[in-house]
Full PDB file with SEQRES, HELIX, SHEET, SSBOND, CRYST1, ORIGX, SCALE, CONECT and MASTER records, all heavy atoms in Angstrom:
SEQRES   1 A   39  VAL LEU GLN ASP HIS ASP THR ASN THR ARG THR ASN GLN          
SEQRES   2 A   39  GLN ILE ILE GLU TRP ILE SER GLN LYS ILE MET GLU ILE          
SEQRES   3 A   39  GLU ARG LYS LYS ASP GLU TYR ASP GLN MET LEU ALA THR          
HELIX    1 AA1 LEU A    2  THR A    7  1                                   6    
HELIX    2 AA2 ASN A   12  ALA A   38  1                                  27    
CRYST1    1.000    1.000    1.000  90.00  90.00  90.00 P 1           1          
ORIGX1      1.000000  0.000000  0.000000        0.00000                         
ORIGX2      0.000000  1.000000  0.000000        0.00000                         
ORIGX3      0.000000  0.000000  1.000000        0.00000                         
SCALE1      1.000000  0.000000  0.000000        0.00000                         
SCALE2      0.000000  1.000000  0.000000        0.00000                         
SCALE3      0.000000  0.000000  1.000000        0.00000                         
ATOM      1  N   VAL A   1      26.076   3.728   2.535  1.00  0.00           N  
ATOM      2  CA  VAL A   1      25.539   4.819   1.724  1.00  0.00           C  
ATOM      3  C   VAL A   1      24.372   5.495   2.442  1.00  0.00           C  
ATOM      4  O   VAL A   1      24.293   6.726   2.490  1.00  0.00           O  
ATOM      5  CB  VAL A   1      25.088   4.291   0.340  1.00  0.00           C  
ATOM      6  CG1 VAL A   1      24.199   5.289  -0.384  1.00  0.00           C  
ATOM      7  CG2 VAL A   1      26.293   3.946  -0.518  1.00  0.00           C  
ATOM      8  N   LEU A   2      23.484   4.690   3.006  1.00  0.00           N  
ATOM      9  CA  LEU A   2      22.324   5.265   3.692  1.00  0.00           C  
ATOM     10  C   LEU A   2      22.733   6.005   4.960  1.00  0.00           C  
ATOM     11  O   LEU A   2      22.177   7.058   5.283  1.00  0.00           O  
ATOM     12  CB  LEU A   2      21.288   4.184   3.994  1.00  0.00           C  
ATOM     13  CG  LEU A   2      20.603   3.598   2.751  1.00  0.00           C  
ATOM     14  CD1 LEU A   2      19.685   2.450   3.149  1.00  0.00           C  
ATOM     15  CD2 LEU A   2      19.855   4.658   1.971  1.00  0.00           C  
ATOM     16  N   GLN A   3      23.719   5.462   5.675  1.00  0.00           N  
ATOM     17  CA  GLN A   3      24.203   6.155   6.865  1.00  0.00           C  
ATOM     18  C   GLN A   3      24.801   7.505   6.468  1.00  0.00           C  
ATOM     19  O   GLN A   3      24.545   8.519   7.104  1.00  0.00           O  
ATOM     20  CB  GLN A   3      25.245   5.314   7.605  1.00  0.00           C  
ATOM     21  CG  GLN A   3      25.754   6.005   8.857  1.00  0.00           C  
ATOM     22  CD  GLN A   3      26.788   5.170   9.597  1.00  0.00           C  
ATOM     23  OE1 GLN A   3      27.145   4.075   9.189  1.00  0.00           O  
ATOM     24  NE2 GLN A   3      27.271   5.693  10.697  1.00  0.00           N  
ATOM     25  N   ASP A   4      25.568   7.505   5.385  1.00  0.00           N  
ATOM     26  CA  ASP A   4      26.135   8.760   4.913  1.00  0.00           C  
ATOM     27  C   ASP A   4      25.041   9.716   4.454  1.00  0.00           C  
ATOM     28  O   ASP A   4      25.102  10.908   4.730  1.00  0.00           O  
ATOM     29  CB  ASP A   4      27.121   8.515   3.772  1.00  0.00           C  
ATOM     30  CG  ASP A   4      27.696   9.810   3.255  1.00  0.00           C  
ATOM     31  OD1 ASP A   4      28.303  10.543   4.062  1.00  0.00           O  
ATOM     32  OD2 ASP A   4      27.508  10.108   2.066  1.00  0.00           O  
ATOM     33  N   HIS A   5      24.052   9.170   3.777  1.00  0.00           N  
ATOM     34  CA  HIS A   5      22.929  10.002   3.320  1.00  0.00           C  
ATOM     35  C   HIS A   5      22.232  10.654   4.510  1.00  0.00           C  
ATOM     36  O   HIS A   5      21.837  11.818   4.456  1.00  0.00           O  
ATOM     37  CB  HIS A   5      21.942   9.131   2.532  1.00  0.00           C  
ATOM     38  CG  HIS A   5      20.749   9.868   2.038  1.00  0.00           C  
ATOM     39  ND1 HIS A   5      19.567   9.902   2.742  1.00  0.00           N  
ATOM     40  CD2 HIS A   5      20.559  10.604   0.915  1.00  0.00           C  
ATOM     41  CE1 HIS A   5      18.696  10.634   2.076  1.00  0.00           C  
ATOM     42  NE2 HIS A   5      19.259  11.066   0.957  1.00  0.00           N  
ATOM     43  N   ASP A   6      22.103   9.907   5.585  1.00  0.00           N  
ATOM     44  CA  ASP A   6      21.400  10.405   6.776  1.00  0.00           C  
ATOM     45  C   ASP A   6      22.238  11.414   7.567  1.00  0.00           C  
ATOM     46  O   ASP A   6      21.692  12.319   8.190  1.00  0.00           O  
ATOM     47  CB  ASP A   6      21.014   9.243   7.696  1.00  0.00           C  
ATOM     48  CG  ASP A   6      19.989   8.326   7.058  1.00  0.00           C  
ATOM     49  OD1 ASP A   6      19.319   8.739   6.088  1.00  0.00           O  
ATOM     50  OD2 ASP A   6      19.857   7.178   7.529  1.00  0.00           O  
ATOM     51  N   THR A   7      23.557  11.230   7.555  1.00  0.00           N  
ATOM     52  CA  THR A   7      24.410  12.063   8.418  1.00  0.00           C  
ATOM     53  C   THR A   7      25.293  13.049   7.657  1.00  0.00           C  
ATOM     54  O   THR A   7      25.893  13.922   8.280  1.00  0.00           O  
ATOM     55  CB  THR A   7      25.327  11.170   9.279  1.00  0.00           C  
ATOM     56  OG1 THR A   7      26.156  10.396   8.405  1.00  0.00           O  
ATOM     57  CG2 THR A   7      24.529  10.267  10.197  1.00  0.00           C  
ATOM     58  N   ASN A   8      25.390  12.889   6.351  1.00  0.00           N  
ATOM     59  CA  ASN A   8      26.253  13.741   5.521  1.00  0.00           C  
ATOM     60  C   ASN A   8      27.687  13.817   6.057  1.00  0.00           C  
ATOM     61  O   ASN A   8      28.263  14.893   6.178  1.00  0.00           O  
ATOM     62  CB  ASN A   8      25.681  15.155   5.400  1.00  0.00           C  
ATOM     63  CG  ASN A   8      24.445  15.184   4.550  1.00  0.00           C  
ATOM     64  OD1 ASN A   8      24.411  14.559   3.494  1.00  0.00           O  
ATOM     65  ND2 ASN A   8      23.430  15.882   5.003  1.00  0.00           N  
ATOM     66  N   THR A   9      28.272  12.658   6.381  1.00  0.00           N  
ATOM     67  CA  THR A   9      29.610  12.637   6.968  1.00  0.00           C  
ATOM     68  C   THR A   9      30.726  12.603   5.930  1.00  0.00           C  
ATOM     69  O   THR A   9      31.846  12.970   6.241  1.00  0.00           O  
ATOM     70  CB  THR A   9      29.778  11.428   7.903  1.00  0.00           C  
ATOM     71  OG1 THR A   9      29.413  10.242   7.192  1.00  0.00           O  
ATOM     72  CG2 THR A   9      28.920  11.574   9.138  1.00  0.00           C  
ATOM     73  N   ARG A  10      30.435  12.170   4.720  1.00  0.00           N  
ATOM     74  CA  ARG A  10      31.478  12.102   3.699  1.00  0.00           C  
ATOM     75  C   ARG A  10      31.591  13.441   2.968  1.00  0.00           C  
ATOM     76  O   ARG A  10      30.602  14.126   2.733  1.00  0.00           O  
ATOM     77  CB  ARG A  10      31.156  11.026   2.663  1.00  0.00           C  
ATOM     78  CG  ARG A  10      31.301   9.641   3.202  1.00  0.00           C  
ATOM     79  CD  ARG A  10      31.159   8.637   2.095  1.00  0.00           C  
ATOM     80  NE  ARG A  10      31.023   7.301   2.652  1.00  0.00           N  
ATOM     81  CZ  ARG A  10      30.772   6.237   1.936  1.00  0.00           C  
ATOM     82  NH1 ARG A  10      30.627   6.325   0.636  1.00  0.00           N  
ATOM     83  NH2 ARG A  10      30.670   5.064   2.504  1.00  0.00           N  
ATOM     84  N   THR A  11      32.823  13.724   2.590  1.00  0.00           N  
ATOM     85  CA  THR A  11      33.051  14.924   1.788  1.00  0.00           C  
ATOM     86  C   THR A  11      32.691  14.624   0.336  1.00  0.00           C  
ATOM     87  O   THR A  11      32.577  13.450  -0.062  1.00  0.00           O  
ATOM     88  CB  THR A  11      34.536  15.353   1.838  1.00  0.00           C  
ATOM     89  OG1 THR A  11      35.323  14.334   1.197  1.00  0.00           O  
ATOM     90  CG2 THR A  11      35.003  15.580   3.268  1.00  0.00           C  
ATOM     91  N   ASN A  12      32.545  15.661  -0.438  1.00  0.00           N  
ATOM     92  CA  ASN A  12      32.262  15.482  -1.855  1.00  0.00           C  
ATOM     93  C   ASN A  12      33.371  14.673  -2.516  1.00  0.00           C  
ATOM     94  O   ASN A  12      33.109  13.803  -3.348  1.00  0.00           O  
ATOM     95  CB  ASN A  12      32.080  16.835  -2.544  1.00  0.00           C  
ATOM     96  CG  ASN A  12      31.523  16.695  -3.927  1.00  0.00           C  
ATOM     97  OD1 ASN A  12      30.501  16.049  -4.123  1.00  0.00           O  
ATOM     98  ND2 ASN A  12      32.194  17.281  -4.896  1.00  0.00           N  
ATOM     99  N   GLN A  13      34.624  14.928  -2.133  1.00  0.00           N  
ATOM    100  CA  GLN A  13      35.751  14.193  -2.704  1.00  0.00           C  
ATOM    101  C   GLN A  13      35.657  12.700  -2.372  1.00  0.00           C  
ATOM    102  O   GLN A  13      35.930  11.851  -3.218  1.00  0.00           O  
ATOM    103  CB  GLN A  13      37.087  14.773  -2.220  1.00  0.00           C  
ATOM    104  CG  GLN A  13      38.290  14.167  -2.893  1.00  0.00           C  
ATOM    105  CD  GLN A  13      38.272  14.317  -4.415  1.00  0.00           C  
ATOM    106  OE1 GLN A  13      37.924  15.370  -4.934  1.00  0.00           O  
ATOM    107  NE2 GLN A  13      38.642  13.265  -5.122  1.00  0.00           N  
ATOM    108  N   GLN A  14      35.264  12.371  -1.158  1.00  0.00           N  
ATOM    109  CA  GLN A  14      35.101  10.961  -0.775  1.00  0.00           C  
ATOM    110  C   GLN A  14      33.996  10.299  -1.598  1.00  0.00           C  
ATOM    111  O   GLN A  14      34.123   9.141  -1.999  1.00  0.00           O  
ATOM    112  CB  GLN A  14      34.783  10.853   0.715  1.00  0.00           C  
ATOM    113  CG  GLN A  14      35.964  11.165   1.603  1.00  0.00           C  
ATOM    114  CD  GLN A  14      35.569  11.241   3.062  1.00  0.00           C  
ATOM    115  OE1 GLN A  14      34.538  11.828   3.419  1.00  0.00           O  
ATOM    116  NE2 GLN A  14      36.397  10.663   3.921  1.00  0.00           N  
ATOM    117  N   ILE A  15      32.945  11.012  -1.851  1.00  0.00           N  
ATOM    118  CA  ILE A  15      31.847  10.466  -2.659  1.00  0.00           C  
ATOM    119  C   ILE A  15      32.306  10.259  -4.097  1.00  0.00           C  
ATOM    120  O   ILE A  15      32.011   9.229  -4.714  1.00  0.00           O  
ATOM    121  CB  ILE A  15      30.606  11.381  -2.576  1.00  0.00           C  
ATOM    122  CG1 ILE A  15      30.051  11.370  -1.151  1.00  0.00           C  
ATOM    123  CG2 ILE A  15      29.538  10.946  -3.577  1.00  0.00           C  
ATOM    124  CD1 ILE A  15      29.001  12.422  -0.873  1.00  0.00           C  
ATOM    125  N   ILE A  16      33.064  11.218  -4.624  1.00  0.00           N  
ATOM    126  CA  ILE A  16      33.611  11.078  -5.976  1.00  0.00           C  
ATOM    127  C   ILE A  16      34.508   9.847  -6.064  1.00  0.00           C  
ATOM    128  O   ILE A  16      34.422   9.066  -7.024  1.00  0.00           O  
ATOM    129  CB  ILE A  16      34.378  12.364  -6.386  1.00  0.00           C  
ATOM    130  CG1 ILE A  16      33.386  13.512  -6.621  1.00  0.00           C  
ATOM    131  CG2 ILE A  16      35.250  12.119  -7.613  1.00  0.00           C  
ATOM    132  CD1 ILE A  16      34.032  14.875  -6.783  1.00  0.00           C  
ATOM    133  N   GLU A  17      35.346   9.624  -5.065  1.00  0.00           N  
ATOM    134  CA  GLU A  17      36.224   8.456  -5.046  1.00  0.00           C  
ATOM    135  C   GLU A  17      35.414   7.164  -4.986  1.00  0.00           C  
ATOM    136  O   GLU A  17      35.733   6.193  -5.682  1.00  0.00           O  
ATOM    137  CB  GLU A  17      37.190   8.539  -3.861  1.00  0.00           C  
ATOM    138  CG  GLU A  17      38.253   9.606  -4.037  1.00  0.00           C  
ATOM    139  CD  GLU A  17      39.081   9.856  -2.779  1.00  0.00           C  
ATOM    140  OE1 GLU A  17      39.034   9.028  -1.845  1.00  0.00           O  
ATOM    141  OE2 GLU A  17      39.770  10.893  -2.740  1.00  0.00           O  
ATOM    142  N   TRP A  18      34.353   7.141  -4.185  1.00  0.00           N  
ATOM    143  CA  TRP A  18      33.495   5.956  -4.087  1.00  0.00           C  
ATOM    144  C   TRP A  18      32.850   5.672  -5.440  1.00  0.00           C  
ATOM    145  O   TRP A  18      32.823   4.523  -5.886  1.00  0.00           O  
ATOM    146  CB  TRP A  18      32.437   6.149  -2.995  1.00  0.00           C  
ATOM    147  CG  TRP A  18      31.554   4.955  -2.860  1.00  0.00           C  
ATOM    148  CD1 TRP A  18      31.811   3.836  -2.135  1.00  0.00           C  
ATOM    149  CD2 TRP A  18      30.281   4.744  -3.480  1.00  0.00           C  
ATOM    150  NE1 TRP A  18      30.767   2.944  -2.257  1.00  0.00           N  
ATOM    151  CE2 TRP A  18      29.825   3.482  -3.082  1.00  0.00           C  
ATOM    152  CE3 TRP A  18      29.486   5.502  -4.329  1.00  0.00           C  
ATOM    153  CZ2 TRP A  18      28.602   2.953  -3.512  1.00  0.00           C  
ATOM    154  CZ3 TRP A  18      28.271   4.979  -4.755  1.00  0.00           C  
ATOM    155  CH2 TRP A  18      27.844   3.725  -4.355  1.00  0.00           C  
ATOM    156  N   ILE A  19      32.331   6.695  -6.089  1.00  0.00           N  
ATOM    157  CA  ILE A  19      31.689   6.522  -7.395  1.00  0.00           C  
ATOM    158  C   ILE A  19      32.712   5.996  -8.402  1.00  0.00           C  
ATOM    159  O   ILE A  19      32.410   5.072  -9.174  1.00  0.00           O  
ATOM    160  CB  ILE A  19      31.047   7.839  -7.877  1.00  0.00           C  
ATOM    161  CG1 ILE A  19      29.863   8.211  -6.978  1.00  0.00           C  
ATOM    162  CG2 ILE A  19      30.593   7.732  -9.335  1.00  0.00           C  
ATOM    163  CD1 ILE A  19      29.338   9.629  -7.203  1.00  0.00           C  
ATOM    164  N   SER A  20      33.916   6.552  -8.386  1.00  0.00           N  
ATOM    165  CA  SER A  20      34.970   6.103  -9.303  1.00  0.00           C  
ATOM    166  C   SER A  20      35.301   4.630  -9.074  1.00  0.00           C  
ATOM    167  O   SER A  20      35.471   3.859 -10.033  1.00  0.00           O  
ATOM    168  CB  SER A  20      36.229   6.952  -9.133  1.00  0.00           C  
ATOM    169  OG  SER A  20      35.969   8.282  -9.490  1.00  0.00           O  
ATOM    170  N   GLN A  21      35.402   4.228  -7.811  1.00  0.00           N  
ATOM    171  CA  GLN A  21      35.670   2.822  -7.491  1.00  0.00           C  
ATOM    172  C   GLN A  21      34.531   1.927  -7.970  1.00  0.00           C  
ATOM    173  O   GLN A  21      34.768   0.823  -8.472  1.00  0.00           O  
ATOM    174  CB  GLN A  21      35.889   2.647  -5.999  1.00  0.00           C  
ATOM    175  CG  GLN A  21      37.197   3.221  -5.513  1.00  0.00           C  
ATOM    176  CD  GLN A  21      37.334   3.174  -3.993  1.00  0.00           C  
ATOM    177  OE1 GLN A  21      36.404   2.827  -3.267  1.00  0.00           O  
ATOM    178  NE2 GLN A  21      38.507   3.546  -3.505  1.00  0.00           N  
ATOM    179  N   LYS A  22      33.310   2.388  -7.823  1.00  0.00           N  
ATOM    180  CA  LYS A  22      32.144   1.610  -8.254  1.00  0.00           C  
ATOM    181  C   LYS A  22      32.173   1.437  -9.776  1.00  0.00           C  
ATOM    182  O   LYS A  22      31.876   0.355 -10.279  1.00  0.00           O  
ATOM    183  CB  LYS A  22      30.858   2.313  -7.797  1.00  0.00           C  
ATOM    184  CG  LYS A  22      29.681   1.406  -7.719  1.00  0.00           C  
ATOM    185  CD  LYS A  22      29.867   0.390  -6.618  1.00  0.00           C  
ATOM    186  CE  LYS A  22      28.734  -0.575  -6.587  1.00  0.00           C  
ATOM    187  NZ  LYS A  22      29.063  -1.793  -5.856  1.00  0.00           N  
ATOM    188  N   ILE A  23      32.536   2.492 -10.491  1.00  0.00           N  
ATOM    189  CA  ILE A  23      32.637   2.409 -11.951  1.00  0.00           C  
ATOM    190  C   ILE A  23      33.693   1.369 -12.341  1.00  0.00           C  
ATOM    191  O   ILE A  23      33.457   0.527 -13.220  1.00  0.00           O  
ATOM    192  CB  ILE A  23      32.958   3.793 -12.561  1.00  0.00           C  
ATOM    193  CG1 ILE A  23      31.737   4.707 -12.459  1.00  0.00           C  
ATOM    194  CG2 ILE A  23      33.428   3.663 -14.012  1.00  0.00           C  
ATOM    195  CD1 ILE A  23      32.003   6.161 -12.798  1.00  0.00           C  
ATOM    196  N   MET A  24      34.864   1.400 -11.687  1.00  0.00           N  
ATOM    197  CA  MET A  24      35.921   0.425 -11.996  1.00  0.00           C  
ATOM    198  C   MET A  24      35.453  -1.002 -11.691  1.00  0.00           C  
ATOM    199  O   MET A  24      35.740  -1.926 -12.460  1.00  0.00           O  
ATOM    200  CB  MET A  24      37.193   0.750 -11.221  1.00  0.00           C  
ATOM    201  CG  MET A  24      37.895   1.987 -11.740  1.00  0.00           C  
ATOM    202  SD  MET A  24      39.544   2.307 -11.039  1.00  0.00           S  
ATOM    203  CE  MET A  24      39.225   2.318  -9.290  1.00  0.00           C  
ATOM    204  N   GLU A  25      34.736  -1.178 -10.600  1.00  0.00           N  
ATOM    205  CA  GLU A  25      34.221  -2.503 -10.243  1.00  0.00           C  
ATOM    206  C   GLU A  25      33.269  -3.010 -11.322  1.00  0.00           C  
ATOM    207  O   GLU A  25      33.342  -4.171 -11.731  1.00  0.00           O  
ATOM    208  CB  GLU A  25      33.504  -2.410  -8.895  1.00  0.00           C  
ATOM    209  CG  GLU A  25      32.832  -3.683  -8.454  1.00  0.00           C  
ATOM    210  CD  GLU A  25      32.001  -3.489  -7.200  1.00  0.00           C  
ATOM    211  OE1 GLU A  25      32.408  -2.713  -6.311  1.00  0.00           O  
ATOM    212  OE2 GLU A  25      30.920  -4.105  -7.112  1.00  0.00           O  
ATOM    213  N   ILE A  26      32.393  -2.169 -11.783  1.00  0.00           N  
ATOM    214  CA  ILE A  26      31.423  -2.564 -12.803  1.00  0.00           C  
ATOM    215  C   ILE A  26      32.127  -2.849 -14.125  1.00  0.00           C  
ATOM    216  O   ILE A  26      31.775  -3.805 -14.830  1.00  0.00           O  
ATOM    217  CB  ILE A  26      30.318  -1.492 -12.945  1.00  0.00           C  
ATOM    218  CG1 ILE A  26      29.447  -1.491 -11.681  1.00  0.00           C  
ATOM    219  CG2 ILE A  26      29.470  -1.722 -14.195  1.00  0.00           C  
ATOM    220  CD1 ILE A  26      28.512  -0.313 -11.555  1.00  0.00           C  
ATOM    221  N   GLU A  27      33.151  -2.064 -14.466  1.00  0.00           N  
ATOM    222  CA  GLU A  27      33.922  -2.317 -15.687  1.00  0.00           C  
ATOM    223  C   GLU A  27      34.629  -3.663 -15.622  1.00  0.00           C  
ATOM    224  O   GLU A  27      34.680  -4.400 -16.612  1.00  0.00           O  
ATOM    225  CB  GLU A  27      34.914  -1.185 -15.940  1.00  0.00           C  
ATOM    226  CG  GLU A  27      34.239   0.080 -16.437  1.00  0.00           C  
ATOM    227  CD  GLU A  27      35.159   1.278 -16.545  1.00  0.00           C  
ATOM    228  OE1 GLU A  27      36.284   1.258 -15.984  1.00  0.00           O  
ATOM    229  OE2 GLU A  27      34.738   2.263 -17.175  1.00  0.00           O  
ATOM    230  N   ARG A  28      35.170  -4.021 -14.443  1.00  0.00           N  
ATOM    231  CA  ARG A  28      35.808  -5.343 -14.278  1.00  0.00           C  
ATOM    232  C   ARG A  28      34.776  -6.456 -14.479  1.00  0.00           C  
ATOM    233  O   ARG A  28      35.048  -7.446 -15.166  1.00  0.00           O  
ATOM    234  CB  ARG A  28      36.445  -5.474 -12.897  1.00  0.00           C  
ATOM    235  CG  ARG A  28      37.815  -4.839 -12.776  1.00  0.00           C  
ATOM    236  CD  ARG A  28      38.520  -5.239 -11.476  1.00  0.00           C  
ATOM    237  NE  ARG A  28      37.768  -4.939 -10.274  1.00  0.00           N  
ATOM    238  CZ  ARG A  28      37.775  -3.771  -9.635  1.00  0.00           C  
ATOM    239  NH1 ARG A  28      38.505  -2.782 -10.094  1.00  0.00           N  
ATOM    240  NH2 ARG A  28      37.075  -3.594  -8.537  1.00  0.00           N  
ATOM    241  N   LYS A  29      33.610  -6.281 -13.888  1.00  0.00           N  
ATOM    242  CA  LYS A  29      32.555  -7.291 -14.046  1.00  0.00           C  
ATOM    243  C   LYS A  29      32.117  -7.395 -15.499  1.00  0.00           C  
ATOM    244  O   LYS A  29      31.854  -8.491 -16.001  1.00  0.00           O  
ATOM    245  CB  LYS A  29      31.365  -6.958 -13.148  1.00  0.00           C  
ATOM    246  CG  LYS A  29      31.631  -7.214 -11.688  1.00  0.00           C  
ATOM    247  CD  LYS A  29      30.421  -6.860 -10.847  1.00  0.00           C  
ATOM    248  CE  LYS A  29      30.707  -7.039  -9.368  1.00  0.00           C  
ATOM    249  NZ  LYS A  29      29.557  -6.686  -8.539  1.00  0.00           N  
ATOM    250  N   LYS A  30      32.033  -6.256 -16.178  1.00  0.00           N  
ATOM    251  CA  LYS A  30      31.647  -6.247 -17.588  1.00  0.00           C  
ATOM    252  C   LYS A  30      32.654  -7.046 -18.409  1.00  0.00           C  
ATOM    253  O   LYS A  30      32.269  -7.850 -19.266  1.00  0.00           O  
ATOM    254  CB  LYS A  30      31.537  -4.822 -18.108  1.00  0.00           C  
ATOM    255  CG  LYS A  30      31.105  -4.725 -19.554  1.00  0.00           C  
ATOM    256  CD  LYS A  30      31.106  -3.284 -20.017  1.00  0.00           C  
ATOM    257  CE  LYS A  30      30.759  -3.156 -21.472  1.00  0.00           C  
ATOM    258  NZ  LYS A  30      31.722  -3.747 -22.378  1.00  0.00           N  
ATOM    259  N   ASP A  31      33.946  -6.843 -18.148  1.00  0.00           N  
ATOM    260  CA  ASP A  31      34.988  -7.604 -18.852  1.00  0.00           C  
ATOM    261  C   ASP A  31      34.822  -9.103 -18.604  1.00  0.00           C  
ATOM    262  O   ASP A  31      34.944  -9.914 -19.531  1.00  0.00           O  
ATOM    263  CB  ASP A  31      36.381  -7.150 -18.426  1.00  0.00           C  
ATOM    264  CG  ASP A  31      36.734  -5.757 -18.925  1.00  0.00           C  
ATOM    265  OD1 ASP A  31      36.070  -5.255 -19.856  1.00  0.00           O  
ATOM    266  OD2 ASP A  31      37.678  -5.160 -18.361  1.00  0.00           O  
ATOM    267  N   GLU A  32      34.529  -9.472 -17.369  1.00  0.00           N  
ATOM    268  CA  GLU A  32      34.321 -10.884 -17.041  1.00  0.00           C  
ATOM    269  C   GLU A  32      33.117 -11.442 -17.795  1.00  0.00           C  
ATOM    270  O   GLU A  32      33.173 -12.548 -18.343  1.00  0.00           O  
ATOM    271  CB  GLU A  32      34.120 -11.060 -15.536  1.00  0.00           C  
ATOM    272  CG  GLU A  32      35.368 -10.822 -14.717  1.00  0.00           C  
ATOM    273  CD  GLU A  32      35.105 -10.853 -13.211  1.00  0.00           C  
ATOM    274  OE1 GLU A  32      34.042 -11.374 -12.782  1.00  0.00           O  
ATOM    275  OE2 GLU A  32      35.956 -10.353 -12.468  1.00  0.00           O  
ATOM    276  N   TYR A  33      32.021 -10.683 -17.834  1.00  0.00           N  
ATOM    277  CA  TYR A  33      30.828 -11.126 -18.563  1.00  0.00           C  
ATOM    278  C   TYR A  33      31.103 -11.221 -20.059  1.00  0.00           C  
ATOM    279  O   TYR A  33      30.632 -12.155 -20.722  1.00  0.00           O  
ATOM    280  CB  TYR A  33      29.650 -10.194 -18.300  1.00  0.00           C  
ATOM    281  CG  TYR A  33      29.001 -10.401 -16.944  1.00  0.00           C  
ATOM    282  CD1 TYR A  33      28.754  -9.326 -16.110  1.00  0.00           C  
ATOM    283  CD2 TYR A  33      28.636 -11.669 -16.510  1.00  0.00           C  
ATOM    284  CE1 TYR A  33      28.174  -9.515 -14.871  1.00  0.00           C  
ATOM    285  CE2 TYR A  33      28.059 -11.861 -15.280  1.00  0.00           C  
ATOM    286  CZ  TYR A  33      27.819 -10.779 -14.451  1.00  0.00           C  
ATOM    287  OH  TYR A  33      27.239 -10.965 -13.224  1.00  0.00           O  
ATOM    288  N   ASP A  34      31.876 -10.287 -20.604  1.00  0.00           N  
ATOM    289  CA  ASP A  34      32.232 -10.348 -22.021  1.00  0.00           C  
ATOM    290  C   ASP A  34      33.008 -11.630 -22.325  1.00  0.00           C  
ATOM    291  O   ASP A  34      32.773 -12.279 -23.342  1.00  0.00           O  
ATOM    292  CB  ASP A  34      33.044  -9.121 -22.441  1.00  0.00           C  
ATOM    293  CG  ASP A  34      32.208  -7.852 -22.535  1.00  0.00           C  
ATOM    294  OD1 ASP A  34      30.960  -7.940 -22.572  1.00  0.00           O  
ATOM    295  OD2 ASP A  34      32.810  -6.758 -22.555  1.00  0.00           O  
ATOM    296  N   GLN A  35      33.927 -12.000 -21.428  1.00  0.00           N  
ATOM    297  CA  GLN A  35      34.689 -13.243 -21.609  1.00  0.00           C  
ATOM    298  C   GLN A  35      33.774 -14.467 -21.530  1.00  0.00           C  
ATOM    299  O   GLN A  35      33.905 -15.405 -22.316  1.00  0.00           O  
ATOM    300  CB  GLN A  35      35.801 -13.344 -20.572  1.00  0.00           C  
ATOM    301  CG  GLN A  35      36.924 -12.356 -20.794  1.00  0.00           C  
ATOM    302  CD  GLN A  35      37.951 -12.378 -19.669  1.00  0.00           C  
ATOM    303  OE1 GLN A  35      37.845 -13.135 -18.704  1.00  0.00           O  
ATOM    304  NE2 GLN A  35      38.966 -11.536 -19.781  1.00  0.00           N  
ATOM    305  N   MET A  36      32.847 -14.444 -20.589  1.00  0.00           N  
ATOM    306  CA  MET A  36      31.907 -15.561 -20.470  1.00  0.00           C  
ATOM    307  C   MET A  36      31.046 -15.684 -21.723  1.00  0.00           C  
ATOM    308  O   MET A  36      30.813 -16.791 -22.226  1.00  0.00           O  
ATOM    309  CB  MET A  36      31.005 -15.372 -19.244  1.00  0.00           C  
ATOM    310  CG  MET A  36      31.683 -15.628 -17.925  1.00  0.00           C  
ATOM    311  SD  MET A  36      30.477 -15.572 -16.587  1.00  0.00           S  
ATOM    312  CE  MET A  36      30.966 -14.088 -15.755  1.00  0.00           C  
ATOM    313  N   LEU A  37      30.567 -14.543 -22.231  1.00  0.00           N  
ATOM    314  CA  LEU A  37      29.750 -14.564 -23.447  1.00  0.00           C  
ATOM    315  C   LEU A  37      30.538 -15.096 -24.640  1.00  0.00           C  
ATOM    316  O   LEU A  37      30.000 -15.863 -25.448  1.00  0.00           O  
ATOM    317  CB  LEU A  37      29.205 -13.164 -23.750  1.00  0.00           C  
ATOM    318  CG  LEU A  37      28.033 -12.716 -22.896  1.00  0.00           C  
ATOM    319  CD1 LEU A  37      27.737 -11.237 -23.138  1.00  0.00           C  
ATOM    320  CD2 LEU A  37      26.798 -13.557 -23.196  1.00  0.00           C  
ATOM    321  N   ALA A  38      31.792 -14.705 -24.752  1.00  0.00           N  
ATOM    322  CA  ALA A  38      32.621 -15.196 -25.849  1.00  0.00           C  
ATOM    323  C   ALA A  38      32.789 -16.715 -25.756  1.00  0.00           C  
ATOM    324  O   ALA A  38      32.681 -17.427 -26.767  1.00  0.00           O  
ATOM    325  CB  ALA A  38      33.980 -14.506 -25.836  1.00  0.00           C  
ATOM    326  N   THR A  39      33.032 -17.222 -24.571  1.00  0.00           N  
ATOM    327  CA  THR A  39      33.179 -18.663 -24.376  1.00  0.00           C  
ATOM    328  C   THR A  39      31.888 -19.393 -24.708  1.00  0.00           C  
ATOM    329  O   THR A  39      31.891 -20.402 -25.424  1.00  0.00           O  
ATOM    330  CB  THR A  39      33.614 -18.976 -22.928  1.00  0.00           C  
ATOM    331  OG1 THR A  39      34.859 -18.333 -22.678  1.00  0.00           O  
ATOM    332  CG2 THR A  39      33.733 -20.469 -22.686  1.00  0.00           C  
TER     333      THR A  39                                                      
MASTER        0    0    0    2    0    0    0    6  332    1    0    3          
END                                                                             
């Protein structure tokens, strides 16, 4: 992220895809934490 910030090598679409992937990753972790809390 910092390298990209410094060089601006990623396109806006690539950044959007990265953000979308990060959101999905966090949602998966949230589901796991919800299961742990239920247990």
